[in-house]
């Protein structure tokens, strides 16, 4: 289970969100919907420990991930991914791939 309590994220004077409370149970499927720039990807990056929230707590099965900081749970989490794809005339993506960026010290696929 992932629990988010009073989470906030700001960049300078711009606050993306604050006071965010959320619980996602194991096996539950959740969709994040919002306008461009509203912080959907930033929230996922915070949940994945790729970014640090401005304030609040993220708990995963009772462990406070916000105390671990970026990459604290697993050093492979700091390995960014590259996305490549081509857009069709309708604006939909096709032939999309996501691949990890190689790390000289840690393989993203093997621990």
PDB file of N, CA and C in Angstrom:
ATOM      1  N   UNK A   1       0.834  -1.172   0.000  1.00  0.00           N
ATOM      2  CA  UNK A   1       0.000   0.000   0.000  1.00  0.00           C
ATOM      3  C   UNK A   1       0.884   1.242   0.000  1.00  0.00           C
ATOM      4  N   UNK A   2       0.466   2.241  -0.755  1.00  0.00           N
ATOM      5  CA  UNK A   2       1.136   3.542  -0.783  1.00  0.00           C
ATOM      6  C   UNK A   2       0.188   4.554  -0.174  1.00  0.00           C
ATOM      7  N   UNK A   3       0.680   5.291   0.809  1.00  0.00           N
ATOM      8  CA  UNK A   3      -0.106   6.355   1.440  1.00  0.00           C
ATOM      9  C   UNK A   3       0.647   7.663   1.310  1.00  0.00           C
ATOM     10  N   UNK A   4      -0.050   8.689   0.928  1.00  0.00           N
ATOM     11  CA  UNK A   4       0.519  10.033   0.797  1.00  0.00           C
ATOM     12  C   UNK A   4      -0.228  10.927   1.781  1.00  0.00           C
ATOM     13  N   UNK A   5       0.517  11.676   2.595  1.00  0.00           N
ATOM     14  CA  UNK A   5      -0.084  12.525   3.617  1.00  0.00           C
ATOM     15  C   UNK A   5       0.449  13.947   3.502  1.00  0.00           C
ATOM     16  N   UNK A   6      -0.472  14.889   3.253  1.00  0.00           N
ATOM     17  CA  UNK A   6      -0.141  16.324   3.229  1.00  0.00           C
ATOM     18  C   UNK A   6       1.045  16.637   2.301  1.00  0.00           C
ATOM     19  N   UNK A   7       1.115  15.963   1.156  1.00  0.00           N
ATOM     20  CA  UNK A   7       2.232  16.152   0.235  1.00  0.00           C
ATOM     21  C   UNK A   7       2.108  17.478  -0.497  1.00  0.00           C
ATOM     22  N   UNK A   8       3.238  18.144  -0.679  1.00  0.00           N
ATOM     23  CA  UNK A   8       3.292  19.407  -1.415  1.00  0.00           C
ATOM     24  C   UNK A   8       4.547  19.420  -2.278  1.00  0.00           C
ATOM     25  N   UNK A   9       4.448  20.093  -3.422  1.00  0.00           N
ATOM     26  CA  UNK A   9       5.613  20.260  -4.290  1.00  0.00           C
ATOM     27  C   UNK A   9       5.559  21.647  -4.904  1.00  0.00           C
ATOM     28  N   UNK A  10       6.652  22.374  -4.729  1.00  0.00           N
ATOM     29  CA  UNK A  10       6.787  23.723  -5.278  1.00  0.00           C
ATOM     30  C   UNK A  10       8.086  23.829  -6.030  1.00  0.00           C
ATOM     31  N   UNK A  11       8.070  24.669  -7.036  1.00  0.00           N
ATOM     32  CA  UNK A  11       9.281  25.057  -7.762  1.00  0.00           C
ATOM     33  C   UNK A  11       9.341  26.571  -7.676  1.00  0.00           C
ATOM     34  N   UNK A  12      10.241  27.067  -6.817  1.00  0.00           N
ATOM     35  CA  UNK A  12      10.298  28.513  -6.607  1.00  0.00           C
ATOM     36  C   UNK A  12       8.989  28.998  -6.017  1.00  0.00           C
ATOM     37  N   UNK A  13       8.355  29.975  -6.675  1.00  0.00           N
ATOM     38  CA  UNK A  13       7.086  30.526  -6.191  1.00  0.00           C
ATOM     39  C   UNK A  13       5.878  29.731  -6.676  1.00  0.00           C
ATOM     40  N   UNK A  14       6.088  28.803  -7.600  1.00  0.00           N
ATOM     41  CA  UNK A  14       4.973  28.040  -8.165  1.00  0.00           C
ATOM     42  C   UNK A  14       4.725  26.769  -7.348  1.00  0.00           C
ATOM     43  N   UNK A  15       3.530  26.658  -6.817  1.00  0.00           N
ATOM     44  CA  UNK A  15       3.122  25.466  -6.084  1.00  0.00           C
ATOM     45  C   UNK A  15       2.301  24.593  -7.020  1.00  0.00           C
ATOM     46  N   UNK A  16       2.786  23.369  -7.266  1.00  0.00           N
ATOM     47  CA  UNK A  16       2.036  22.443  -8.125  1.00  0.00           C
ATOM     48  C   UNK A  16       0.831  21.896  -7.389  1.00  0.00           C
ATOM     49  N   UNK A  17       1.033  21.436  -6.163  1.00  0.00           N
ATOM     50  CA  UNK A  17      -0.030  20.931  -5.316  1.00  0.00           C
ATOM     51  C   UNK A  17       0.443  20.959  -3.881  1.00  0.00           C
ATOM     52  N   UNK A  18      -0.547  21.016  -2.986  1.00  0.00           N
ATOM     53  CA  UNK A  18      -0.246  20.985  -1.552  1.00  0.00           C
ATOM     54  C   UNK A  18      -1.416  20.341  -0.830  1.00  0.00           C
ATOM     55  N   UNK A  19      -1.126  19.778   0.334  1.00  0.00           N
ATOM     56  CA  UNK A  19      -2.162  19.115   1.115  1.00  0.00           C
ATOM     57  C   UNK A  19      -2.721  17.868   0.448  1.00  0.00           C
ATOM     58  N   UNK A  20      -1.903  17.216  -0.387  1.00  0.00           N
ATOM     59  CA  UNK A  20      -2.357  16.039  -1.130  1.00  0.00           C
ATOM     60  C   UNK A  20      -2.362  14.810  -0.226  1.00  0.00           C
ATOM     61  N   UNK A  21      -3.519  14.184  -0.099  1.00  0.00           N
ATOM     62  CA  UNK A  21      -3.690  12.938   0.651  1.00  0.00           C
ATOM     63  C   UNK A  21      -4.188  11.886  -0.329  1.00  0.00           C
ATOM     64  N   UNK A  22      -3.579  10.710  -0.295  1.00  0.00           N
ATOM     65  CA  UNK A  22      -3.914   9.664  -1.256  1.00  0.00           C
ATOM     66  C   UNK A  22      -3.525   8.316  -0.677  1.00  0.00           C
ATOM     67  N   UNK A  23      -4.358   7.309  -0.886  1.00  0.00           N
ATOM     68  CA  UNK A  23      -4.025   5.943  -0.506  1.00  0.00           C
ATOM     69  C   UNK A  23      -4.316   5.040  -1.696  1.00  0.00           C
ATOM     70  N   UNK A  24      -3.333   4.225  -2.061  1.00  0.00           N
ATOM     71  CA  UNK A  24      -3.485   3.265  -3.148  1.00  0.00           C
ATOM     72  C   UNK A  24      -3.167   1.889  -2.571  1.00  0.00           C
ATOM     73  N   UNK A  25      -4.161   1.032  -2.560  1.00  0.00           N
ATOM     74  CA  UNK A  25      -3.984  -0.321  -2.024  1.00  0.00           C
ATOM     75  C   UNK A  25      -3.273  -1.208  -3.035  1.00  0.00           C
ATOM     76  N   UNK A  26      -2.620  -2.254  -2.550  1.00  0.00           N
ATOM     77  CA  UNK A  26      -1.937  -3.213  -3.418  1.00  0.00           C
ATOM     78  C   UNK A  26      -2.932  -3.768  -4.427  1.00  0.00           C
ATOM     79  N   UNK A  27      -2.557  -3.761  -5.704  1.00  0.00           N
ATOM     80  CA  UNK A  27      -3.403  -4.276  -6.767  1.00  0.00           C
ATOM     81  C   UNK A  27      -4.404  -3.275  -7.315  1.00  0.00           C
ATOM     82  N   UNK A  28      -4.538  -2.139  -6.666  1.00  0.00           N
ATOM     83  CA  UNK A  28      -5.477  -1.114  -7.127  1.00  0.00           C
ATOM     84  C   UNK A  28      -4.885  -0.372  -8.322  1.00  0.00           C
ATOM     85  N   UNK A  29      -5.718  -0.016  -9.276  1.00  0.00           N
ATOM     86  CA  UNK A  29      -5.296   0.736 -10.456  1.00  0.00           C
ATOM     87  C   UNK A  29      -5.815   2.157 -10.317  1.00  0.00           C
ATOM     88  N   UNK A  30      -4.948   3.117 -10.571  1.00  0.00           N
ATOM     89  CA  UNK A  30      -5.285   4.521 -10.395  1.00  0.00           C
ATOM     90  C   UNK A  30      -4.848   5.291 -11.626  1.00  0.00           C
ATOM     91  N   UNK A  31      -5.648   6.229 -12.073  1.00  0.00           N
ATOM     92  CA  UNK A  31      -5.296   7.089 -13.200  1.00  0.00           C
ATOM     93  C   UNK A  31      -5.140   8.518 -12.694  1.00  0.00           C
ATOM     94  N   UNK A  32      -4.058   9.172 -13.102  1.00  0.00           N
ATOM     95  CA  UNK A  32      -3.852  10.583 -12.791  1.00  0.00           C
ATOM     96  C   UNK A  32      -4.268  11.383 -14.019  1.00  0.00           C
ATOM     97  N   UNK A  33      -5.179  12.305 -13.819  1.00  0.00           N
ATOM     98  CA  UNK A  33      -5.697  13.109 -14.917  1.00  0.00           C
ATOM     99  C   UNK A  33      -5.537  14.569 -14.550  1.00  0.00           C
ATOM    100  N   UNK A  34      -5.058  15.364 -15.500  1.00  0.00           N
ATOM    101  CA  UNK A  34      -4.914  16.789 -15.261  1.00  0.00           C
ATOM    102  C   UNK A  34      -4.346  17.478 -16.480  1.00  0.00           C
ATOM    103  N   UNK A  35      -4.370  18.782 -16.452  1.00  0.00           N
ATOM    104  CA  UNK A  35      -3.859  19.558 -17.571  1.00  0.00           C
ATOM    105  C   UNK A  35      -2.335  19.486 -17.627  1.00  0.00           C
ATOM    106  N   UNK A  36      -1.798  19.839 -18.756  1.00  0.00           N
ATOM    107  CA  UNK A  36      -0.349  19.879 -18.923  1.00  0.00           C
ATOM    108  C   UNK A  36       0.257  20.838 -17.904  1.00  0.00           C
ATOM    109  N   UNK A  37       1.295  20.369 -17.212  1.00  0.00           N
ATOM    110  CA  UNK A  37       1.965  21.209 -16.233  1.00  0.00           C
ATOM    111  C   UNK A  37       1.344  21.204 -14.853  1.00  0.00           C
ATOM    112  N   UNK A  38       0.336  20.350 -14.629  1.00  0.00           N
ATOM    113  CA  UNK A  38      -0.336  20.346 -13.333  1.00  0.00           C
ATOM    114  C   UNK A  38       0.385  19.519 -12.273  1.00  0.00           C
ATOM    115  N   UNK A  39       1.420  18.746 -12.689  1.00  0.00           N
ATOM    116  CA  UNK A  39       2.226  18.025 -11.712  1.00  0.00           C
ATOM    117  C   UNK A  39       2.018  16.525 -11.668  1.00  0.00           C
ATOM    118  N   UNK A  40       1.383  15.958 -12.683  1.00  0.00           N
ATOM    119  CA  UNK A  40       1.148  14.506 -12.693  1.00  0.00           C
ATOM    120  C   UNK A  40       2.475  13.736 -12.696  1.00  0.00           C
ATOM    121  N   UNK A  41       3.357  14.081 -13.595  1.00  0.00           N
ATOM    122  CA  UNK A  41       4.652  13.397 -13.687  1.00  0.00           C
ATOM    123  C   UNK A  41       5.498  13.684 -12.453  1.00  0.00           C
ATOM    124  N   UNK A  42       5.428  14.902 -11.951  1.00  0.00           N
ATOM    125  CA  UNK A  42       6.178  15.245 -10.742  1.00  0.00           C
ATOM    126  C   UNK A  42       5.714  14.406  -9.556  1.00  0.00           C
ATOM    127  N   UNK A  43       4.402  14.174  -9.453  1.00  0.00           N
ATOM    128  CA  UNK A  43       3.892  13.315  -8.387  1.00  0.00           C
ATOM    129  C   UNK A  43       4.448  11.907  -8.523  1.00  0.00           C
ATOM    130  N   UNK A  44       4.421  11.364  -9.731  1.00  0.00           N
ATOM    131  CA  UNK A  44       4.971  10.022  -9.939  1.00  0.00           C
ATOM    132  C   UNK A  44       6.462   9.991  -9.631  1.00  0.00           C
ATOM    133  N   UNK A  45       7.180  11.045  -9.993  1.00  0.00           N
ATOM    134  CA  UNK A  45       8.610  11.109  -9.679  1.00  0.00           C
ATOM    135  C   UNK A  45       8.844  11.154  -8.172  1.00  0.00           C
ATOM    136  N   UNK A  46       7.991  11.849  -7.445  1.00  0.00           N
ATOM    137  CA  UNK A  46       8.101  11.872  -5.982  1.00  0.00           C
ATOM    138  C   UNK A  46       7.800  10.492  -5.402  1.00  0.00           C
ATOM    139  N   UNK A  47       6.759   9.840  -5.905  1.00  0.00           N
ATOM    140  CA  UNK A  47       6.416   8.502  -5.413  1.00  0.00           C
ATOM    141  C   UNK A  47       7.529   7.506  -5.707  1.00  0.00           C
ATOM    142  N   UNK A  48       8.221   7.682  -6.835  1.00  0.00           N
ATOM    143  CA  UNK A  48       9.319   6.794  -7.211  1.00  0.00           C
ATOM    144  C   UNK A  48      10.667   7.227  -6.668  1.00  0.00           C
ATOM    145  N   UNK A  49      10.683   8.231  -5.813  1.00  0.00           N
ATOM    146  CA  UNK A  49      11.909   8.753  -5.177  1.00  0.00           C
ATOM    147  C   UNK A  49      12.891   9.369  -6.172  1.00  0.00           C
ATOM    148  N   UNK A  50      12.393   9.818  -7.315  1.00  0.00           N
ATOM    149  CA  UNK A  50      13.246  10.504  -8.274  1.00  0.00           C
ATOM    150  C   UNK A  50      13.308  11.998  -7.985  1.00  0.00           C
ATOM    151  N   UNK A  51      12.313  12.508  -7.268  1.00  0.00           N
ATOM    152  CA  UNK A  51      12.275  13.897  -6.817  1.00  0.00           C
ATOM    153  C   UNK A  51      11.849  13.908  -5.357  1.00  0.00           C
ATOM    154  N   UNK A  52      12.208  14.957  -4.658  1.00  0.00           N
ATOM    155  CA  UNK A  52      11.852  15.104  -3.254  1.00  0.00           C
ATOM    156  C   UNK A  52      10.681  16.080  -3.138  1.00  0.00           C
ATOM    157  N   UNK A  53       9.619  15.694  -2.458  1.00  0.00           N
ATOM    158  CA  UNK A  53       8.512  16.636  -2.261  1.00  0.00           C
ATOM    159  C   UNK A  53       8.952  17.794  -1.367  1.00  0.00           C
ATOM    160  N   UNK A  54       8.284  18.929  -1.506  1.00  0.00           N
ATOM    161  CA  UNK A  54       8.596  20.092  -0.677  1.00  0.00           C
ATOM    162  C   UNK A  54       8.246  19.808   0.782  1.00  0.00           C
ATOM    163  N   UNK A  55       7.119  19.141   0.996  1.00  0.00           N
ATOM    164  CA  UNK A  55       6.724  18.742   2.350  1.00  0.00           C
ATOM    165  C   UNK A  55       5.751  17.577   2.261  1.00  0.00           C
ATOM    166  N   UNK A  56       5.488  16.969   3.404  1.00  0.00           N
ATOM    167  CA  UNK A  56       4.576  15.839   3.468  1.00  0.00           C
ATOM    168  C   UNK A  56       5.315  14.514   3.573  1.00  0.00           C
ATOM    169  N   UNK A  57       4.533  13.434   3.562  1.00  0.00           N
ATOM    170  CA  UNK A  57       5.112  12.096   3.739  1.00  0.00           C
ATOM    171  C   UNK A  57       4.566  11.137   2.693  1.00  0.00           C
ATOM    172  N   UNK A  58       5.426  10.210   2.268  1.00  0.00           N
ATOM    173  CA  UNK A  58       5.036   9.114   1.389  1.00  0.00           C
ATOM    174  C   UNK A  58       5.390   7.827   2.123  1.00  0.00           C
ATOM    175  N   UNK A  59       4.390   6.993   2.376  1.00  0.00           N
ATOM    176  CA  UNK A  59       4.606   5.726   3.064  1.00  0.00           C
ATOM    177  C   UNK A  59       4.368   4.581   2.098  1.00  0.00           C
ATOM    178  N   UNK A  60       5.287   3.628   2.075  1.00  0.00           N
ATOM    179  CA  UNK A  60       5.120   2.410   1.292  1.00  0.00           C
ATOM    180  C   UNK A  60       5.181   1.250   2.260  1.00  0.00           C
ATOM    181  N   UNK A  61       4.066   0.564   2.418  1.00  0.00           N
ATOM    182  CA  UNK A  61       3.949  -0.536   3.388  1.00  0.00           C
ATOM    183  C   UNK A  61       4.490  -0.134   4.757  1.00  0.00           C
ATOM    184  N   UNK A  62       4.185   1.084   5.175  1.00  0.00           N
ATOM    185  CA  UNK A  62       4.569   1.568   6.497  1.00  0.00           C
ATOM    186  C   UNK A  62       5.926   2.229   6.586  1.00  0.00           C
ATOM    187  N   UNK A  63       6.756   2.131   5.542  1.00  0.00           N
ATOM    188  CA  UNK A  63       8.074   2.766   5.549  1.00  0.00           C
ATOM    189  C   UNK A  63       7.962   4.172   4.985  1.00  0.00           C
ATOM    190  N   UNK A  64       8.460   5.163   5.722  1.00  0.00           N
ATOM    191  CA  UNK A  64       8.415   6.551   5.282  1.00  0.00           C
ATOM    192  C   UNK A  64       9.507   6.789   4.244  1.00  0.00           C
ATOM    193  N   UNK A  65       9.119   6.814   2.967  1.00  0.00           N
ATOM    194  CA  UNK A  65      10.077   6.980   1.880  1.00  0.00           C
ATOM    195  C   UNK A  65      10.664   8.385   1.830  1.00  0.00           C
ATOM    196  N   UNK A  66       9.927   9.371   2.337  1.00  0.00           N
ATOM    197  CA  UNK A  66      10.424  10.746   2.285  1.00  0.00           C
ATOM    198  C   UNK A  66      11.658  10.930   3.171  1.00  0.00           C
ATOM    199  N   UNK A  67      11.867  10.065   4.117  1.00  0.00           N
ATOM    200  CA  UNK A  67      13.077  10.140   4.951  1.00  0.00           C
ATOM    201  C   UNK A  67      14.298   9.558   4.238  1.00  0.00           C
ATOM    202  N   UNK A  68      14.045   8.747   3.202  1.00  0.00           N
ATOM    203  CA  UNK A  68      15.146   8.108   2.479  1.00  0.00           C
ATOM    204  C   UNK A  68      15.776   9.042   1.458  1.00  0.00           C
ATOM    205  N   UNK A  69      14.980   9.940   0.868  1.00  0.00           N
ATOM    206  CA  UNK A  69      15.483  10.847  -0.149  1.00  0.00           C
ATOM    207  C   UNK A  69      15.619  10.145  -1.492  1.00  0.00           C
ATOM    208  N   UNK A  70      16.002  10.916  -2.548  1.00  0.00           N
ATOM    209  CA  UNK A  70      16.123  10.343  -3.890  1.00  0.00           C
ATOM    210  C   UNK A  70      17.081   9.159  -3.924  1.00  0.00           C
ATOM    211  N   UNK A  71      16.610   8.032  -4.441  1.00  0.00           N
ATOM    212  CA  UNK A  71      17.452   6.847  -4.575  1.00  0.00           C
ATOM    213  C   UNK A  71      17.714   6.117  -3.277  1.00  0.00           C
ATOM    214  N   UNK A  72      17.120   6.558  -2.172  1.00  0.00           N
ATOM    215  CA  UNK A  72      17.406   5.975  -0.873  1.00  0.00           C
ATOM    216  C   UNK A  72      17.003   4.530  -0.723  1.00  0.00           C
ATOM    217  N   UNK A  73      15.932   4.133  -1.370  1.00  0.00           N
ATOM    218  CA  UNK A  73      15.465   2.752  -1.250  1.00  0.00           C
ATOM    219  C   UNK A  73      16.280   1.817  -2.135  1.00  0.00           C
ATOM    220  N   UNK A  74      16.748   2.305  -3.258  1.00  0.00           N
ATOM    221  CA  UNK A  74      17.460   1.474  -4.224  1.00  0.00           C
ATOM    222  C   UNK A  74      18.237   2.406  -5.149  1.00  0.00           C
ATOM    223  N   UNK A  75      19.549   2.296  -5.214  1.00  0.00           N
ATOM    224  CA  UNK A  75      20.328   3.226  -6.034  1.00  0.00           C
ATOM    225  C   UNK A  75      19.956   3.193  -7.508  1.00  0.00           C
ATOM    226  N   UNK A  76      19.330   2.119  -7.975  1.00  0.00           N
ATOM    227  CA  UNK A  76      18.924   2.051  -9.377  1.00  0.00           C
ATOM    228  C   UNK A  76      17.811   3.038  -9.691  1.00  0.00           C
ATOM    229  N   UNK A  77      17.094   3.509  -8.678  1.00  0.00           N
ATOM    230  CA  UNK A  77      15.992   4.446  -8.904  1.00  0.00           C
ATOM    231  C   UNK A  77      16.484   5.793  -9.418  1.00  0.00           C
ATOM    232  N   UNK A  78      17.741   6.112  -9.208  1.00  0.00           N
ATOM    233  CA  UNK A  78      18.255   7.387  -9.689  1.00  0.00           C
ATOM    234  C   UNK A  78      18.676   7.305 -11.145  1.00  0.00           C
ATOM    235  N   UNK A  79      18.568   6.127 -11.760  1.00  0.00           N
ATOM    236  CA  UNK A  79      18.884   5.973 -13.177  1.00  0.00           C
ATOM    237  C   UNK A  79      17.705   6.471 -13.991  1.00  0.00           C
ATOM    238  N   UNK A  80      17.866   7.584 -14.726  1.00  0.00           N
ATOM    239  CA  UNK A  80      16.738   8.108 -15.492  1.00  0.00           C
ATOM    240  C   UNK A  80      16.426   7.238 -16.693  1.00  0.00           C
ATOM    241  N   UNK A  81      15.247   7.414 -17.230  1.00  0.00           N
ATOM    242  CA  UNK A  81      14.848   6.678 -18.431  1.00  0.00           C
ATOM    243  C   UNK A  81      14.711   7.652 -19.586  1.00  0.00           C
ATOM    244  N   UNK A  82      14.974   7.180 -20.788  1.00  0.00           N
ATOM    245  CA  UNK A  82      14.786   7.983 -21.989  1.00  0.00           C
ATOM    246  C   UNK A  82      13.569   7.474 -22.725  1.00  0.00           C
ATOM    247  N   UNK A  83      12.765   8.392 -23.227  1.00  0.00           N
ATOM    248  CA  UNK A  83      11.600   8.018 -24.010  1.00  0.00           C
ATOM    249  C   UNK A  83      11.832   8.466 -25.436  1.00  0.00           C
ATOM    250  N   UNK A  84      11.472   7.625 -26.370  1.00  0.00           N
ATOM    251  CA  UNK A  84      11.550   8.033 -27.766  1.00  0.00           C
ATOM    252  C   UNK A  84      10.315   7.524 -28.479  1.00  0.00           C
ATOM    253  N   UNK A  85       9.841   8.289 -29.400  1.00  0.00           N
ATOM    254  CA  UNK A  85       8.662   7.884 -30.146  1.00  0.00           C
ATOM    255  C   UNK A  85       8.397   8.883 -31.241  1.00  0.00           C
ATOM    256  N   UNK A  86       7.506   8.534 -32.128  1.00  0.00           N
ATOM    257  CA  UNK A  86       7.144   9.454 -33.196  1.00  0.00           C
ATOM    258  C   UNK A  86       5.652   9.719 -33.110  1.00  0.00           C
ATOM    259  N   UNK A  87       5.266  10.935 -33.402  1.00  0.00           N
ATOM    260  CA  UNK A  87       3.859  11.305 -33.331  1.00  0.00           C
ATOM    261  C   UNK A  87       3.207  11.155 -34.695  1.00  0.00           C
ATOM    262  N   UNK A  88       1.997  10.674 -34.683  1.00  0.00           N
ATOM    263  CA  UNK A  88       1.241  10.566 -35.926  1.00  0.00           C
ATOM    264  C   UNK A  88       0.572  11.908 -36.207  1.00  0.00           C
ATOM    265  N   UNK A  89       0.013  12.120 -37.397  1.00  0.00           N
ATOM    266  CA  UNK A  89      -0.682  13.379 -37.688  1.00  0.00           C
ATOM    267  C   UNK A  89      -1.832  13.672 -36.734  1.00  0.00           C
ATOM    268  N   UNK A  90      -2.383  12.652 -36.093  1.00  0.00           N
ATOM    269  CA  UNK A  90      -3.479  12.864 -35.147  1.00  0.00           C
ATOM    270  C   UNK A  90      -2.969  13.280 -33.777  1.00  0.00           C
ATOM    271  N   UNK A  91      -1.657  13.289 -33.608  1.00  0.00           N
ATOM    272  CA  UNK A  91      -1.076  13.653 -32.320  1.00  0.00           C
ATOM    273  C   UNK A  91      -0.870  12.471 -31.402  1.00  0.00           C
ATOM    274  N   UNK A  92      -1.291  11.292 -31.823  1.00  0.00           N
ATOM    275  CA  UNK A  92      -1.100  10.099 -30.994  1.00  0.00           C
ATOM    276  C   UNK A  92       0.299   9.558 -31.199  1.00  0.00           C
ATOM    277  N   UNK A  93       0.855   9.031 -30.151  1.00  0.00           N
ATOM    278  CA  UNK A  93       2.199   8.458 -30.224  1.00  0.00           C
ATOM    279  C   UNK A  93       2.145   7.065 -30.814  1.00  0.00           C
ATOM    280  N   UNK A  94       3.131   6.724 -31.611  1.00  0.00           N
ATOM    281  CA  UNK A  94       3.233   5.362 -32.122  1.00  0.00           C
ATOM    282  C   UNK A  94       4.691   4.956 -32.110  1.00  0.00           C
ATOM    283  N   UNK A  95       4.958   3.673 -32.124  1.00  0.00           N
ATOM    284  CA  UNK A  95       6.312   3.131 -32.044  1.00  0.00           C
ATOM    285  C   UNK A  95       7.088   3.749 -30.886  1.00  0.00           C
ATOM    286  N   UNK A  96       6.456   3.782 -29.721  1.00  0.00           N
ATOM    287  CA  UNK A  96       7.082   4.367 -28.539  1.00  0.00           C
ATOM    288  C   UNK A  96       7.893   3.328 -27.792  1.00  0.00           C
ATOM    289  N   UNK A  97       9.004   3.775 -27.260  1.00  0.00           N
ATOM    290  CA  UNK A  97       9.807   2.899 -26.423  1.00  0.00           C
ATOM    291  C   UNK A  97      10.286   3.670 -25.206  1.00  0.00           C
ATOM    292  N   UNK A  98      10.443   2.968 -24.123  1.00  0.00           N
ATOM    293  CA  UNK A  98      11.064   3.532 -22.928  1.00  0.00           C
ATOM    294  C   UNK A  98      12.243   2.635 -22.607  1.00  0.00           C
ATOM    295  N   UNK A  99      13.390   3.228 -22.455  1.00  0.00           N
ATOM    296  CA  UNK A  99      14.569   2.431 -22.142  1.00  0.00           C
ATOM    297  C   UNK A  99      15.373   3.125 -21.057  1.00  0.00           C
ATOM    298  N   UNK A 100      16.013   2.377 -20.192  1.00  0.00           N
ATOM    299  CA  UNK A 100      16.818   2.986 -19.138  1.00  0.00           C
ATOM    300  C   UNK A 100      18.086   3.585 -19.726  1.00  0.00           C
ATOM    301  N   UNK A 101      18.542   4.632 -19.091  1.00  0.00           N
ATOM    302  CA  UNK A 101      19.822   5.220 -19.456  1.00  0.00           C
ATOM    303  C   UNK A 101      20.891   4.403 -18.742  1.00  0.00           C
ATOM    304  N   UNK A 102      21.885   3.971 -19.465  1.00  0.00           N
ATOM    305  CA  UNK A 102      22.919   3.122 -18.883  1.00  0.00           C
ATOM    306  C   UNK A 102      23.651   3.849 -17.762  1.00  0.00           C
ATOM    307  N   UNK A 103      23.942   3.124 -16.712  1.00  0.00           N
ATOM    308  CA  UNK A 103      24.708   3.638 -15.595  1.00  0.00           C
ATOM    309  C   UNK A 103      26.013   2.865 -15.529  1.00  0.00           C
ATOM    310  N   UNK A 104      27.091   3.574 -15.311  1.00  0.00           N
ATOM    311  CA  UNK A 104      28.384   2.893 -15.302  1.00  0.00           C
ATOM    312  C   UNK A 104      28.577   2.027 -14.062  1.00  0.00           C
ATOM    313  N   UNK A 105      27.870   2.356 -12.963  1.00  0.00           N
ATOM    314  CA  UNK A 105      28.106   1.607 -11.731  1.00  0.00           C
ATOM    315  C   UNK A 105      27.016   0.580 -11.423  1.00  0.00           C
ATOM    316  N   UNK A 106      25.799   0.827 -11.871  1.00  0.00           N
ATOM    317  CA  UNK A 106      24.701  -0.058 -11.528  1.00  0.00           C
ATOM    318  C   UNK A 106      23.878  -0.337 -12.778  1.00  0.00           C
ATOM    319  N   UNK A 107      23.660  -1.575 -13.081  1.00  0.00           N
ATOM    320  CA  UNK A 107      22.800  -1.943 -14.195  1.00  0.00           C
ATOM    321  C   UNK A 107      21.355  -1.722 -13.772  1.00  0.00           C
ATOM    322  N   UNK A 108      20.519  -1.103 -14.612  1.00  0.00           N
ATOM    323  CA  UNK A 108      19.137  -0.875 -14.214  1.00  0.00           C
ATOM    324  C   UNK A 108      18.318  -2.163 -14.137  1.00  0.00           C
ATOM    325  N   UNK A 109      18.826  -3.261 -14.679  1.00  0.00           N
ATOM    326  CA  UNK A 109      18.058  -4.500 -14.698  1.00  0.00           C
ATOM    327  C   UNK A 109      18.574  -5.547 -13.711  1.00  0.00           C
ATOM    328  N   UNK A 110      19.779  -5.406 -13.240  1.00  0.00           N
ATOM    329  CA  UNK A 110      20.363  -6.413 -12.329  1.00  0.00           C
ATOM    330  C   UNK A 110      20.957  -5.697 -11.116  1.00  0.00           C
ATOM    331  N   UNK A 111      20.716  -6.235  -9.942  1.00  0.00           N
ATOM    332  CA  UNK A 111      21.199  -5.618  -8.697  1.00  0.00           C
ATOM    333  C   UNK A 111      22.560  -6.050  -8.308  1.00  0.00           C
TER     334      UNK A 111
END
